[in-house]
Amino acid sequence: MKTQYILSAAIISGLEIEQPPFEFGVTNKSPEFTQKFPLGRIPAFEDIEGFKVTEGMAIARYVSSLVPEAGLPGRNAKETAQIDQWIHFAETEIQTPASNIYIGIGIKYLPGFNEEQRKYYQERVEFSLKFLEDYLASCPSAFLVNNTITLADIVLALSLRPAGQTVCGMKERKQVYPYTFAYFAKVNNDERIKHLFGESGFIDGLLTFKPE
């Protein structure tokens, strides 16, 4: 998902990012890689001048800042602060709890995951989606901060995906959060970046916990 932030920001800014062949667990542990990025973390970025930075959001913010007229980082300090606020909200209040449900139930990769945890994460996501739905219902623009797409819109739209894969079935998307998922569709279908978003993977009914 972090790579999608970065590549979306680059495309909207009219920039090209080269992606060399990569194999997780091999490339990022190689001497050539760890000499530049000692922690071996990905994504990692290096420009033609040798400037290096890691962590997906840091890279996405840097790429967005290279062409400020594209509007991704905001048009002034206040908008930039609002964009950062929405990014933090999207990642911590929607993406993380919804992803925990998906990892715990969908791919069973959280040992000890149980119904109590599922309920806790679902309630967190629902509380946040209610806030977002109310905001978008009264928002004069189709986007979060101003009348153009910003980095916050990219991050939030991608963060809504795990929600639509876990706690928001077809009924919830259409009847409970119509503004939220209309917003998702608008960003997701942007001709410049929709190939990066791919299929949503949304479910028809809620993802439920089934003890083994």
C-alpha atoms as a PDB file:
ATOM      1  CA  MET A   1       0.000   0.000   0.000  1.00  0.00           C
ATOM      2  CA  LYS A   2       2.851   2.396   0.795  1.00  0.00           C
ATOM      3  CA  THR A   3       4.260   1.853  -2.675  1.00  0.00           C
ATOM      4  CA  GLN A   4       0.877   2.840  -4.116  1.00  0.00           C
ATOM      5  CA  TYR A   5       1.052   6.115  -2.173  1.00  0.00           C
ATOM      6  CA  ILE A   6       4.454   6.858  -3.673  1.00  0.00           C
ATOM      7  CA  LEU A   7       3.703   5.878  -7.258  1.00  0.00           C
ATOM      8  CA  SER A   8       0.351   7.699  -7.227  1.00  0.00           C
ATOM      9  CA  ALA A   9       2.053  10.848  -5.978  1.00  0.00           C
ATOM     10  CA  ALA A  10       4.706  10.544  -8.672  1.00  0.00           C
ATOM     11  CA  ILE A  11       2.210  10.083 -11.500  1.00  0.00           C
ATOM     12  CA  ILE A  12       0.006  12.987 -10.440  1.00  0.00           C
ATOM     13  CA  SER A  13       3.127  15.134 -10.105  1.00  0.00           C
ATOM     14  CA  GLY A  14       4.311  14.130 -13.566  1.00  0.00           C
ATOM     15  CA  LEU A  15       7.389  12.331 -12.253  1.00  0.00           C
ATOM     16  CA  GLU A  16       8.871   8.966 -13.132  1.00  0.00           C
ATOM     17  CA  ILE A  17      10.189   6.539 -10.541  1.00  0.00           C
ATOM     18  CA  GLU A  18      12.322   3.648 -11.669  1.00  0.00           C
ATOM     19  CA  GLN A  19      11.540   0.342  -9.983  1.00  0.00           C
ATOM     20  CA  PRO A  20      14.434  -2.090 -10.330  1.00  0.00           C
ATOM     21  CA  PRO A  21      13.794  -5.852 -10.027  1.00  0.00           C
ATOM     22  CA  PHE A  22      13.117  -6.745  -6.399  1.00  0.00           C
ATOM     23  CA  GLU A  23      12.634  -9.940  -4.407  1.00  0.00           C
ATOM     24  CA  PHE A  24      11.545  -9.465  -0.818  1.00  0.00           C
ATOM     25  CA  GLY A  25      13.883 -11.077   1.676  1.00  0.00           C
ATOM     26  CA  VAL A  26      16.624 -11.321  -0.902  1.00  0.00           C
ATOM     27  CA  THR A  27      17.163  -7.936  -2.516  1.00  0.00           C
ATOM     28  CA  ASN A  28      16.654  -5.980   0.695  1.00  0.00           C
ATOM     29  CA  LYS A  29      19.155  -8.218   2.525  1.00  0.00           C
ATOM     30  CA  SER A  30      21.837  -7.988  -0.118  1.00  0.00           C
ATOM     31  CA  PRO A  31      25.071  -6.098   0.651  1.00  0.00           C
ATOM     32  CA  GLU A  32      24.346  -3.616  -2.135  1.00  0.00           C
ATOM     33  CA  PHE A  33      20.999  -2.728  -0.580  1.00  0.00           C
ATOM     34  CA  THR A  34      21.995  -2.683   3.088  1.00  0.00           C
ATOM     35  CA  GLN A  35      25.033  -0.547   2.325  1.00  0.00           C
ATOM     36  CA  LYS A  36      22.598   2.177   1.275  1.00  0.00           C
ATOM     37  CA  PHE A  37      19.753   1.258   3.637  1.00  0.00           C
ATOM     38  CA  PRO A  38      21.232  -0.519   6.694  1.00  0.00           C
ATOM     39  CA  LEU A  39      17.874  -1.506   8.198  1.00  0.00           C
ATOM     40  CA  GLY A  40      16.875  -3.307   5.015  1.00  0.00           C
ATOM     41  CA  ARG A  41      13.415  -1.773   5.172  1.00  0.00           C
ATOM     42  CA  ILE A  42      11.170  -1.178   2.179  1.00  0.00           C
ATOM     43  CA  PRO A  43      10.074   0.867   0.437  1.00  0.00           C
ATOM     44  CA  ALA A  44      13.346   2.697   0.045  1.00  0.00           C
ATOM     45  CA  PHE A  45      14.111   5.617  -2.248  1.00  0.00           C
ATOM     46  CA  GLU A  46      17.256   7.017  -3.813  1.00  0.00           C
ATOM     47  CA  ASP A  47      17.300   9.860  -6.324  1.00  0.00           C
ATOM     48  CA  ILE A  48      19.822  10.525  -9.085  1.00  0.00           C
ATOM     49  CA  GLU A  49      21.811  12.755  -6.740  1.00  0.00           C
ATOM     50  CA  GLY A  50      22.165  10.005  -4.147  1.00  0.00           C
ATOM     51  CA  PHE A  51      19.600  11.376  -1.693  1.00  0.00           C
ATOM     52  CA  LYS A  52      18.109   8.477   0.246  1.00  0.00           C
ATOM     53  CA  VAL A  53      15.017   8.111   2.380  1.00  0.00           C
ATOM     54  CA  THR A  54      12.999   5.192   3.738  1.00  0.00           C
ATOM     55  CA  GLU A  55       9.471   4.753   5.173  1.00  0.00           C
ATOM     56  CA  GLY A  56       6.607   4.894   2.707  1.00  0.00           C
ATOM     57  CA  MET A  57       4.886   8.004   3.954  1.00  0.00           C
ATOM     58  CA  ALA A  58       8.130   9.963   4.196  1.00  0.00           C
ATOM     59  CA  ILE A  59       8.903   9.039   0.587  1.00  0.00           C
ATOM     60  CA  ALA A  60       5.393   9.926  -0.577  1.00  0.00           C
ATOM     61  CA  ARG A  61       5.586  13.302   1.142  1.00  0.00           C
ATOM     62  CA  TYR A  62       8.980  13.997  -0.389  1.00  0.00           C
ATOM     63  CA  VAL A  63       7.819  13.047  -3.886  1.00  0.00           C
ATOM     64  CA  SER A  64       4.713  15.218  -3.468  1.00  0.00           C
ATOM     65  CA  SER A  65       6.851  18.185  -2.426  1.00  0.00           C
ATOM     66  CA  LEU A  66       8.945  18.069  -5.597  1.00  0.00           C
ATOM     67  CA  VAL A  67       6.124  19.486  -7.718  1.00  0.00           C
ATOM     68  CA  PRO A  68       4.070  21.636  -5.335  1.00  0.00           C
ATOM     69  CA  GLU A  69       1.968  23.075  -8.157  1.00  0.00           C
ATOM     70  CA  ALA A  70       0.406  19.617  -8.572  1.00  0.00           C
ATOM     71  CA  GLY A  71      -1.356  20.354  -5.272  1.00  0.00           C
ATOM     72  CA  LEU A  72      -0.629  17.106  -3.452  1.00  0.00           C
ATOM     73  CA  PRO A  73       1.102  18.641  -0.400  1.00  0.00           C
ATOM     74  CA  GLY A  74      -1.436  21.476  -0.100  1.00  0.00           C
ATOM     75  CA  ARG A  75      -1.292  25.094  -1.196  1.00  0.00           C
ATOM     76  CA  ASN A  76      -0.248  26.579   2.137  1.00  0.00           C
ATOM     77  CA  ALA A  77       0.788  25.635   5.655  1.00  0.00           C
ATOM     78  CA  LYS A  78      -2.775  25.263   6.886  1.00  0.00           C
ATOM     79  CA  GLU A  79      -3.719  22.872   4.102  1.00  0.00           C
ATOM     80  CA  THR A  80      -0.533  20.884   4.667  1.00  0.00           C
ATOM     81  CA  ALA A  81      -1.455  20.514   8.337  1.00  0.00           C
ATOM     82  CA  GLN A  82      -4.949  19.334   7.388  1.00  0.00           C
ATOM     83  CA  ILE A  83      -3.506  16.848   4.922  1.00  0.00           C
ATOM     84  CA  ASP A  84      -1.220  15.436   7.618  1.00  0.00           C
ATOM     85  CA  GLN A  85      -4.185  15.234   9.992  1.00  0.00           C
ATOM     86  CA  TRP A  86      -6.247  13.219   7.487  1.00  0.00           C
ATOM     87  CA  ILE A  87      -3.326  10.932   6.674  1.00  0.00           C
ATOM     88  CA  HIS A  88      -2.844  10.115  10.350  1.00  0.00           C
ATOM     89  CA  PHE A  89      -6.577   9.524  10.750  1.00  0.00           C
ATOM     90  CA  ALA A  90      -6.737   7.261   7.700  1.00  0.00           C
ATOM     91  CA  GLU A  91      -3.800   5.111   8.698  1.00  0.00           C
ATOM     92  CA  THR A  92      -4.442   4.782  12.421  1.00  0.00           C
ATOM     93  CA  GLU A  93      -8.238   4.877  12.694  1.00  0.00           C
ATOM     94  CA  ILE A  94      -9.315   2.999   9.557  1.00  0.00           C
ATOM     95  CA  GLN A  95      -6.461   1.191   7.853  1.00  0.00           C
ATOM     96  CA  THR A  96      -4.820  -0.351  10.925  1.00  0.00           C
ATOM     97  CA  PRO A  97      -7.893  -1.751  12.731  1.00  0.00           C
ATOM     98  CA  ALA A  98      -9.527  -2.946   9.486  1.00  0.00           C
ATOM     99  CA  SER A  99      -6.282  -4.578   8.380  1.00  0.00           C
ATOM    100  CA  ASN A 100      -5.991  -6.333  11.740  1.00  0.00           C
ATOM    101  CA  ILE A 101      -9.394  -7.911  11.143  1.00  0.00           C
ATOM    102  CA  TYR A 102      -8.377  -8.991   7.656  1.00  0.00           C
ATOM    103  CA  ILE A 103      -5.078 -10.433   8.855  1.00  0.00           C
ATOM    104  CA  GLY A 104      -6.717 -12.111  11.840  1.00  0.00           C
ATOM    105  CA  ILE A 105      -9.683 -13.643   9.986  1.00  0.00           C
ATOM    106  CA  GLY A 106      -9.037 -13.398   6.264  1.00  0.00           C
ATOM    107  CA  ILE A 107      -5.532 -14.835   6.172  1.00  0.00           C
ATOM    108  CA  LYS A 108      -5.321 -16.108   9.772  1.00  0.00           C
ATOM    109  CA  TYR A 109      -1.936 -14.561  10.444  1.00  0.00           C
ATOM    110  CA  LEU A 110      -2.557 -13.178  13.946  1.00  0.00           C
ATOM    111  CA  PRO A 111      -2.129 -16.006  16.490  1.00  0.00           C
ATOM    112  CA  GLY A 112      -4.800 -15.927  19.167  1.00  0.00           C
ATOM    113  CA  PHE A 113      -7.103 -13.583  17.255  1.00  0.00           C
ATOM    114  CA  ASN A 114     -10.617 -13.911  18.654  1.00  0.00           C
ATOM    115  CA  GLU A 115     -14.139 -12.534  18.475  1.00  0.00           C
ATOM    116  CA  GLU A 116     -13.484  -9.973  21.211  1.00  0.00           C
ATOM    117  CA  GLN A 117     -10.632  -8.491  19.184  1.00  0.00           C
ATOM    118  CA  ARG A 118     -12.697  -8.504  15.998  1.00  0.00           C
ATOM    119  CA  LYS A 119     -15.499  -6.631  17.755  1.00  0.00           C
ATOM    120  CA  TYR A 120     -13.062  -4.086  19.204  1.00  0.00           C
ATOM    121  CA  TYR A 121     -11.466  -3.349  15.831  1.00  0.00           C
ATOM    122  CA  GLN A 122     -14.814  -3.251  14.060  1.00  0.00           C
ATOM    123  CA  GLU A 123     -16.180  -0.716  16.534  1.00  0.00           C
ATOM    124  CA  ARG A 124     -13.092   1.451  16.013  1.00  0.00           C
ATOM    125  CA  VAL A 125     -13.534   1.388  12.250  1.00  0.00           C
ATOM    126  CA  GLU A 126     -17.271   2.054  12.443  1.00  0.00           C
ATOM    127  CA  PHE A 127     -16.767   5.013  14.776  1.00  0.00           C
ATOM    128  CA  SER A 128     -14.221   6.497  12.382  1.00  0.00           C
ATOM    129  CA  LEU A 129     -16.335   5.840   9.299  1.00  0.00           C
ATOM    130  CA  LYS A 130     -19.313   7.587  10.924  1.00  0.00           C
ATOM    131  CA  PHE A 131     -17.133  10.649  11.490  1.00  0.00           C
ATOM    132  CA  LEU A 132     -15.878  10.504   7.899  1.00  0.00           C
ATOM    133  CA  GLU A 133     -19.370  10.003   6.477  1.00  0.00           C
ATOM    134  CA  ASP A 134     -20.691  13.061   8.314  1.00  0.00           C
ATOM    135  CA  TYR A 135     -17.739  15.134   7.138  1.00  0.00           C
ATOM    136  CA  LEU A 136     -18.106  14.138   3.492  1.00  0.00           C
ATOM    137  CA  ALA A 137     -21.878  14.670   3.586  1.00  0.00           C
ATOM    138  CA  SER A 138     -21.342  18.317   4.498  1.00  0.00           C
ATOM    139  CA  CYS A 139     -18.141  18.867   2.515  1.00  0.00           C
ATOM    140  CA  PRO A 140     -18.579  21.365  -0.344  1.00  0.00           C
ATOM    141  CA  SER A 141     -15.742  19.742  -2.275  1.00  0.00           C
ATOM    142  CA  ALA A 142     -15.464  16.189  -3.513  1.00  0.00           C
ATOM    143  CA  PHE A 143     -12.079  15.976  -1.779  1.00  0.00           C
ATOM    144  CA  LEU A 144     -10.891  16.223   1.805  1.00  0.00           C
ATOM    145  CA  VAL A 145      -8.984  19.500   1.962  1.00  0.00           C
ATOM    146  CA  ASN A 146      -9.642  21.601  -1.131  1.00  0.00           C
ATOM    147  CA  ASN A 147     -11.128  21.158  -4.589  1.00  0.00           C
ATOM    148  CA  THR A 148      -8.290  19.007  -5.932  1.00  0.00           C
ATOM    149  CA  ILE A 149      -6.823  15.644  -5.021  1.00  0.00           C
ATOM    150  CA  THR A 150      -4.122  15.742  -2.342  1.00  0.00           C
ATOM    151  CA  LEU A 151      -1.894  13.130  -0.755  1.00  0.00           C
ATOM    152  CA  ALA A 152      -4.536  12.774   1.959  1.00  0.00           C
ATOM    153  CA  ASP A 153      -7.098  11.620  -0.615  1.00  0.00           C
ATOM    154  CA  ILE A 154      -4.724   8.997  -1.979  1.00  0.00           C
ATOM    155  CA  VAL A 155      -3.981   7.640   1.493  1.00  0.00           C
ATOM    156  CA  LEU A 156      -7.582   7.680   2.685  1.00  0.00           C
ATOM    157  CA  ALA A 157      -8.949   6.010  -0.436  1.00  0.00           C
ATOM    158  CA  LEU A 158      -6.403   3.216  -0.145  1.00  0.00           C
ATOM    159  CA  SER A 159      -7.104   2.939   3.594  1.00  0.00           C
ATOM    160  CA  LEU A 160     -10.813   2.425   2.887  1.00  0.00           C
ATOM    161  CA  ARG A 161     -10.022  -0.737   0.966  1.00  0.00           C
ATOM    162  CA  PRO A 162      -9.462  -2.985   4.023  1.00  0.00           C
ATOM    163  CA  ALA A 163     -12.655  -1.541   5.525  1.00  0.00           C
ATOM    164  CA  GLY A 164     -14.577  -2.653   2.441  1.00  0.00           C
ATOM    165  CA  GLN A 165     -12.927  -6.052   2.719  1.00  0.00           C
ATOM    166  CA  THR A 166     -13.892  -6.628   6.352  1.00  0.00           C
ATOM    167  CA  VAL A 167     -16.550  -4.514   8.106  1.00  0.00           C
ATOM    168  CA  CYS A 168     -18.392  -2.909   5.177  1.00  0.00           C
ATOM    169  CA  GLY A 169     -20.403  -5.270   3.028  1.00  0.00           C
ATOM    170  CA  MET A 170     -22.535  -4.135   0.116  1.00  0.00           C
ATOM    171  CA  LYS A 171     -25.364  -3.018   2.415  1.00  0.00           C
ATOM    172  CA  GLU A 172     -23.067  -0.894   4.586  1.00  0.00           C
ATOM    173  CA  ARG A 173     -21.351   0.682   1.587  1.00  0.00           C
ATOM    174  CA  LYS A 174     -24.638   1.663  -0.053  1.00  0.00           C
ATOM    175  CA  GLN A 175     -26.871   2.459   2.907  1.00  0.00           C
ATOM    176  CA  VAL A 176     -24.695   3.359   5.899  1.00  0.00           C
ATOM    177  CA  TYR A 177     -21.677   5.036   4.291  1.00  0.00           C
ATOM    178  CA  PRO A 178     -22.833   6.168   0.827  1.00  0.00           C
ATOM    179  CA  TYR A 179     -20.798   9.388   0.803  1.00  0.00           C
ATOM    180  CA  THR A 180     -17.682   7.596   1.981  1.00  0.00           C
ATOM    181  CA  PHE A 181     -17.724   4.957  -0.725  1.00  0.00           C
ATOM    182  CA  ALA A 182     -18.785   7.411  -3.420  1.00  0.00           C
ATOM    183  CA  TYR A 183     -15.672   9.331  -2.415  1.00  0.00           C
ATOM    184  CA  PHE A 184     -13.635   6.126  -2.609  1.00  0.00           C
ATOM    185  CA  ALA A 185     -14.938   5.497  -6.135  1.00  0.00           C
ATOM    186  CA  LYS A 186     -14.061   9.022  -7.231  1.00  0.00           C
ATOM    187  CA  VAL A 187     -10.441   8.750  -6.132  1.00  0.00           C
ATOM    188  CA  ASN A 188     -10.129   5.102  -7.145  1.00  0.00           C
ATOM    189  CA  ASN A 189     -11.372   5.858 -10.668  1.00  0.00           C
ATOM    190  CA  ASP A 190      -9.023   8.768 -11.317  1.00  0.00           C
ATOM    191  CA  GLU A 191      -7.691   7.900 -14.763  1.00  0.00           C
ATOM    192  CA  ARG A 192      -4.149   8.756 -13.765  1.00  0.00           C
ATOM    193  CA  ILE A 193      -3.880   6.294 -10.906  1.00  0.00           C
ATOM    194  CA  LYS A 194      -6.684   3.738 -11.100  1.00  0.00           C
ATOM    195  CA  HIS A 195      -4.315   1.134 -12.550  1.00  0.00           C
ATOM    196  CA  LEU A 196      -2.303   1.385  -9.323  1.00  0.00           C
ATOM    197  CA  PHE A 197      -5.376   0.881  -7.146  1.00  0.00           C
ATOM    198  CA  GLY A 198      -6.519  -2.251  -8.999  1.00  0.00           C
ATOM    199  CA  GLU A 199      -9.564  -4.235  -7.941  1.00  0.00           C
ATOM    200  CA  SER A 200     -11.081  -3.263  -4.606  1.00  0.00           C
ATOM    201  CA  GLY A 201     -11.661  -6.777  -3.323  1.00  0.00           C
ATOM    202  CA  PHE A 202     -14.790  -5.559  -1.511  1.00  0.00           C
ATOM    203  CA  ILE A 203     -16.991  -8.217   0.069  1.00  0.00           C
ATOM    204  CA  ASP A 204     -20.780  -8.613  -0.095  1.00  0.00           C
ATOM    205  CA  GLY A 205     -21.239  -9.458   3.593  1.00  0.00           C
ATOM    206  CA  LEU A 206     -19.276  -8.734   6.752  1.00  0.00           C
ATOM    207  CA  LEU A 207     -16.191 -10.773   7.544  1.00  0.00           C
ATOM    208  CA  THR A 208     -17.063 -12.824  10.623  1.00  0.00           C
ATOM    209  CA  PHE A 209     -14.975 -14.726  13.117  1.00  0.00           C
ATOM    210  CA  LYS A 210     -15.318 -18.510  13.086  1.00  0.00           C
ATOM    211  CA  PRO A 211     -13.445 -20.268  15.900  1.00  0.00           C
ATOM    212  CA  GLU A 212     -11.586 -23.391  14.878  1.00  0.00           C
END
